[in-house]
Amino acid sequence: MLKQEQVLELEPSTELRFKGPFTDVVTTNLKLKNPTEKKICFKVKTTAPRRYCVRPNSGIIDAKSSVTVSVMLQPFDYDPNEKSKHKFMVQTIFAPPNVTDMEVMWKDAKPEDLMDSKLRCMFEMPYENERVNDIEASKVVSQVSAPKPESGSGSKPLSTSLDDIEIRKVLEECKRLQAEVGRLSDENRSLKDDGLRLRKVAQSDSSALSTGSSAIRDTGSSALPSLLVVIAAIFIGFFLGKFIL
């Protein structure tokens, strides 16, 4: 005989997500909603009972009402390479009238009256979510900003971008070399101007020296005849005086 279909509405319906870090107790909630007109008994089972604490793990849900079950994962050493194999099962049955002992009821329940839903466990670390989001965002940006290849062109976008980078590097190097050549030209021009100024100063100094020496020669040459005239006059006066006396 086929088992009955689950009448409870589970939220979430297929998996329980636990977000790390897992150095402390991590709690996630499971909501059980009874949409029927009858009371429903439930209990929560897991494949790893030592790793989880479930409150409440069993009970009765009144008609048109709901119950929130807290599933608490105990601290453990998280390994991102290890996939979680933990699973939960919510088992339910329509509550018999005047039920008093839940354990006896579950023990005497017929398999065809039982309903169940299975959920798997998922472990997540915050940085893993951020990394996945960053990767997806970078993919979207690269797809949007990637240049479309022209029809008939066999070039690849990656090689084109690499060529553009190399061309920019070469242009920047050319600009740097041009600036260096300009700077050296300015220094060379400045040195030439300084050399011309020094040459002019040297020429003016040498011309001044030559003018002074020529003036001295002229003075000496002009003073020599005057001296001779004075000496001659002295001798003539001397001889005339002796002749008169």
Protein backbone atom coordinates (compact mmCIF):
# COMPACT_ATOMS: atom_id res chain seq x y z
CA MET A 1 0.00 0.00 0.00
CA LEU A 2 1.23 3.43 -0.89
CA LYS A 3 2.16 5.80 1.87
CA GLN A 4 0.09 8.88 2.41
CA GLU A 5 1.30 12.17 1.05
CA GLN A 6 2.59 14.69 3.56
CA VAL A 7 -0.15 17.14 4.55
CA LEU A 8 2.03 19.48 6.59
CA GLU A 9 3.55 22.49 4.89
CA LEU A 10 7.27 22.82 5.69
CA GLU A 11 9.24 26.02 5.49
CA PRO A 12 11.93 25.50 4.24
CA SER A 13 10.68 22.50 2.33
CA THR A 14 13.83 20.69 1.12
CA GLU A 15 16.95 21.79 3.02
CA LEU A 16 18.13 23.31 6.30
CA ARG A 17 20.90 25.91 5.92
CA PHE A 18 23.38 26.57 8.72
CA LYS A 19 25.58 29.65 8.36
CA GLY A 20 28.99 29.68 10.05
CA PRO A 21 31.32 30.25 11.70
CA PHE A 22 30.75 26.97 13.49
CA THR A 23 32.81 27.67 16.60
CA ASP A 24 29.55 28.16 18.49
CA VAL A 25 26.01 26.76 18.33
CA VAL A 26 24.29 27.66 15.05
CA THR A 27 20.49 27.63 15.01
CA THR A 28 18.07 27.48 12.10
CA ASN A 29 14.28 27.27 12.25
CA LEU A 30 11.83 24.90 10.61
CA LYS A 31 8.20 25.96 10.44
CA LEU A 32 5.51 23.25 10.38
CA LYS A 33 2.06 24.42 9.28
CA ASN A 34 -1.09 22.32 9.53
CA PRO A 35 -3.59 23.41 6.83
CA THR A 36 -6.11 20.68 7.64
CA GLU A 37 -9.10 20.54 9.96
CA LYS A 38 -7.56 17.79 12.09
CA LYS A 39 -4.84 17.62 14.69
CA ILE A 40 -1.54 16.19 13.49
CA CYS A 41 1.20 14.55 15.54
CA PHE A 42 4.77 15.10 14.43
CA LYS A 43 8.31 14.13 15.38
CA VAL A 44 11.66 15.17 13.95
CA LYS A 45 14.43 12.64 13.30
CA THR A 46 18.03 13.09 12.09
CA THR A 47 20.83 10.88 10.82
CA ALA A 48 23.30 12.64 13.19
CA PRO A 49 21.54 12.90 16.59
CA ARG A 50 24.78 13.75 18.44
CA ARG A 51 25.41 16.78 16.26
CA TYR A 52 22.01 18.43 16.64
CA CYS A 53 19.60 19.51 19.34
CA VAL A 54 15.94 19.84 18.24
CA ARG A 55 13.32 21.75 20.23
CA PRO A 56 10.55 20.61 20.18
CA ASN A 57 11.39 17.29 18.58
CA SER A 58 7.78 16.05 18.75
CA GLY A 59 4.30 17.29 19.54
CA ILE A 60 0.80 17.95 18.26
CA ILE A 61 -0.19 20.68 15.84
CA ASP A 62 -3.73 21.90 16.10
CA ALA A 63 -5.88 22.40 13.02
CA LYS A 64 -5.07 25.51 11.01
CA SER A 65 -2.09 26.33 13.21
CA SER A 66 1.68 26.03 13.03
CA VAL A 67 4.74 25.19 15.13
CA THR A 68 8.30 26.49 14.82
CA VAL A 69 11.02 23.90 15.44
CA SER A 70 14.52 25.13 16.38
CA VAL A 71 17.36 22.98 15.03
CA MET A 72 20.65 23.70 16.83
CA LEU A 73 23.90 22.55 15.27
CA GLN A 74 26.64 21.88 17.83
CA PRO A 75 30.14 23.42 17.36
CA PHE A 76 32.57 21.47 15.16
CA ASP A 77 35.66 21.89 12.97
CA TYR A 78 34.34 22.98 9.60
CA ASP A 79 35.99 21.52 6.49
CA PRO A 80 34.86 23.24 3.26
CA ASN A 81 35.93 20.19 1.21
CA GLU A 82 33.69 17.87 3.19
CA LYS A 83 30.12 17.69 1.96
CA SER A 84 27.41 17.37 4.56
CA LYS A 85 25.56 14.06 4.51
CA HIS A 86 23.27 14.92 7.42
CA LYS A 87 19.55 14.63 6.82
CA PHE A 88 16.36 15.32 8.73
CA MET A 89 12.96 13.66 8.47
CA VAL A 90 9.68 15.10 9.68
CA GLN A 91 7.31 12.23 10.35
CA THR A 92 3.61 12.91 10.89
CA ILE A 93 0.32 11.14 11.53
CA PHE A 94 -3.21 12.28 12.11
CA ALA A 95 -3.72 12.39 15.84
CA PRO A 96 -6.10 9.71 17.14
CA PRO A 97 -8.86 10.90 19.47
CA ASN A 98 -8.00 11.26 23.13
CA VAL A 99 -4.30 10.49 22.64
CA THR A 100 -2.37 10.52 25.92
CA ASP A 101 0.87 8.59 25.43
CA MET A 102 2.80 9.75 22.36
CA GLU A 103 5.39 6.97 22.55
CA VAL A 104 2.74 4.28 22.56
CA MET A 105 0.93 5.99 19.70
CA TRP A 106 4.08 6.07 17.52
CA LYS A 107 4.87 2.49 18.42
CA ASP A 108 1.40 1.25 17.46
CA ALA A 109 1.13 3.43 14.31
CA LYS A 110 0.61 1.55 11.03
CA PRO A 111 3.18 2.27 8.30
CA GLU A 112 0.45 3.20 5.81
CA ASP A 113 -0.79 5.91 8.19
CA LEU A 114 2.60 7.60 8.47
CA MET A 115 3.60 10.62 6.39
CA ASP A 116 7.12 11.98 6.12
CA SER A 117 9.22 14.73 4.54
CA LYS A 118 13.01 14.69 4.19
CA LEU A 119 15.39 17.63 4.32
CA ARG A 120 19.13 17.75 3.75
CA CYS A 121 21.58 19.95 5.69
CA MET A 122 23.73 22.62 4.07
CA PHE A 123 26.71 24.35 5.74
CA GLU A 124 27.74 27.82 4.60
CA MET A 125 30.58 30.14 5.55
CA PRO A 126 30.14 33.92 5.05
CA TYR A 127 33.35 34.35 3.05
CA GLU A 128 32.34 31.55 0.70
CA ASN A 129 29.09 33.36 -0.12
CA GLU A 130 30.97 36.61 -0.71
CA ARG A 131 33.50 34.87 -2.93
CA VAL A 132 30.76 33.25 -5.02
CA ASN A 133 28.99 36.60 -5.35
CA ASP A 134 32.24 38.32 -6.37
CA ILE A 135 32.93 35.66 -9.01
CA GLU A 136 29.42 35.96 -10.43
CA ALA A 137 29.64 39.77 -10.44
CA SER A 138 33.02 39.71 -12.20
CA LYS A 139 31.61 37.34 -14.82
CA VAL A 140 28.69 39.68 -15.47
CA VAL A 141 30.98 42.72 -15.71
CA SER A 142 33.38 40.93 -18.08
CA GLN A 143 30.49 39.84 -20.29
CA VAL A 144 29.06 43.37 -20.42
CA SER A 145 32.37 45.19 -20.94
CA ALA A 146 33.97 42.65 -23.30
CA PRO A 147 34.34 44.13 -26.86
CA LYS A 148 32.36 42.33 -29.52
CA PRO A 149 34.62 40.88 -32.26
CA GLU A 150 34.01 42.28 -35.73
CA SER A 151 32.54 39.98 -38.34
CA GLY A 152 35.22 38.21 -40.33
CA SER A 153 37.89 39.00 -37.78
CA GLY A 154 39.73 36.08 -36.22
CA SER A 155 41.28 38.05 -33.39
CA LYS A 156 40.42 37.08 -29.83
CA PRO A 157 39.33 39.63 -27.20
CA LEU A 158 42.03 38.47 -24.80
CA SER A 159 44.87 38.93 -27.29
CA THR A 160 43.43 42.29 -28.34
CA SER A 161 43.40 43.53 -24.77
CA LEU A 162 46.97 42.32 -24.29
CA ASP A 163 48.06 44.15 -27.47
CA ASP A 164 46.39 47.34 -26.24
CA ILE A 165 48.26 47.09 -22.95
CA GLU A 166 51.60 46.66 -24.74
CA ILE A 167 50.87 49.62 -27.06
CA ARG A 168 50.03 51.84 -24.08
CA LYS A 169 53.29 50.82 -22.40
CA VAL A 170 55.29 51.67 -25.56
CA LEU A 171 53.56 55.06 -25.92
CA GLU A 172 54.21 55.91 -22.27
CA GLU A 173 57.89 54.99 -22.71
CA CYS A 174 58.12 57.19 -25.85
CA LYS A 175 56.60 60.12 -23.96
CA ARG A 176 59.10 59.63 -21.14
CA LEU A 177 62.04 59.54 -23.59
CA GLN A 178 60.77 62.67 -25.36
CA ALA A 179 60.56 64.50 -22.06
CA GLU A 180 64.11 63.38 -21.22
CA VAL A 181 65.41 64.57 -24.61
CA GLY A 182 63.71 67.94 -24.09
CA ARG A 183 65.27 68.30 -20.66
CA LEU A 184 68.74 67.49 -22.01
CA SER A 185 68.27 69.99 -24.87
CA ASP A 186 67.38 72.72 -22.38
CA GLU A 187 70.48 71.92 -20.31
CA ASN A 188 72.67 71.98 -23.44
CA ARG A 189 71.22 75.36 -24.50
CA SER A 190 71.82 76.76 -21.02
CA LEU A 191 75.43 75.57 -21.09
CA LYS A 192 75.97 77.21 -24.49
CA ASP A 193 74.59 80.52 -23.21
CA ASP A 194 76.89 80.38 -20.19
CA GLY A 195 79.88 79.70 -22.47
CA LEU A 196 79.03 82.70 -24.67
CA ARG A 197 78.73 84.98 -21.66
CA LEU A 198 82.08 83.83 -20.31
CA ARG A 199 83.72 84.34 -23.72
CA LYS A 200 82.36 87.88 -23.97
CA VAL A 201 83.59 88.72 -20.48
CA ALA A 202 87.06 87.38 -21.31
CA GLN A 203 87.19 89.37 -24.54
CA SER A 204 86.15 92.60 -22.78
CA ASP A 205 88.79 92.04 -20.10
CA SER A 206 91.55 91.43 -22.68
CA SER A 207 90.57 94.55 -24.70
CA ALA A 208 90.72 96.68 -21.54
CA LEU A 209 94.19 95.34 -20.75
CA SER A 210 95.49 96.07 -24.26
CA THR A 211 94.09 99.64 -24.18
CA GLY A 212 95.88 100.38 -20.87
CA SER A 213 99.24 99.10 -22.11
CA SER A 214 99.01 101.13 -25.33
CA ALA A 215 98.21 104.27 -23.32
CA ILE A 216 101.29 103.68 -21.18
CA ARG A 217 103.45 103.25 -24.32
CA ASP A 218 102.06 106.44 -25.81
CA THR A 219 102.75 108.40 -22.62
CA GLY A 220 106.32 107.10 -22.47
CA SER A 221 106.97 107.84 -26.12
CA SER A 222 105.54 111.37 -25.87
CA ALA A 223 107.54 112.16 -22.71
CA LEU A 224 110.88 111.10 -24.29
CA PRO A 225 111.24 114.08 -26.79
CA SER A 226 110.40 116.58 -24.10
CA LEU A 227 113.22 115.22 -21.95
CA LEU A 228 115.66 115.47 -24.84
CA VAL A 229 114.68 119.10 -25.46
CA VAL A 230 115.29 119.97 -21.81
CA ILE A 231 118.74 118.33 -21.87
CA ALA A 232 119.64 120.08 -25.08
CA ALA A 233 118.62 123.46 -23.66
CA ILE A 234 120.77 122.85 -20.58
CA PHE A 235 123.81 122.06 -22.69
CA ILE A 236 123.29 125.08 -24.98
CA GLY A 237 122.86 127.39 -21.97
CA PHE A 238 126.04 125.96 -20.43
CA PHE A 239 128.13 126.56 -23.56
CA LEU A 240 126.74 130.03 -24.13
CA GLY A 241 127.52 131.01 -20.58
CA LYS A 242 131.14 129.91 -20.88
CA PHE A 243 131.51 131.75 -24.18
CA ILE A 244 130.10 135.00 -22.81
CA LEU A 245 132.26 134.81 -19.69
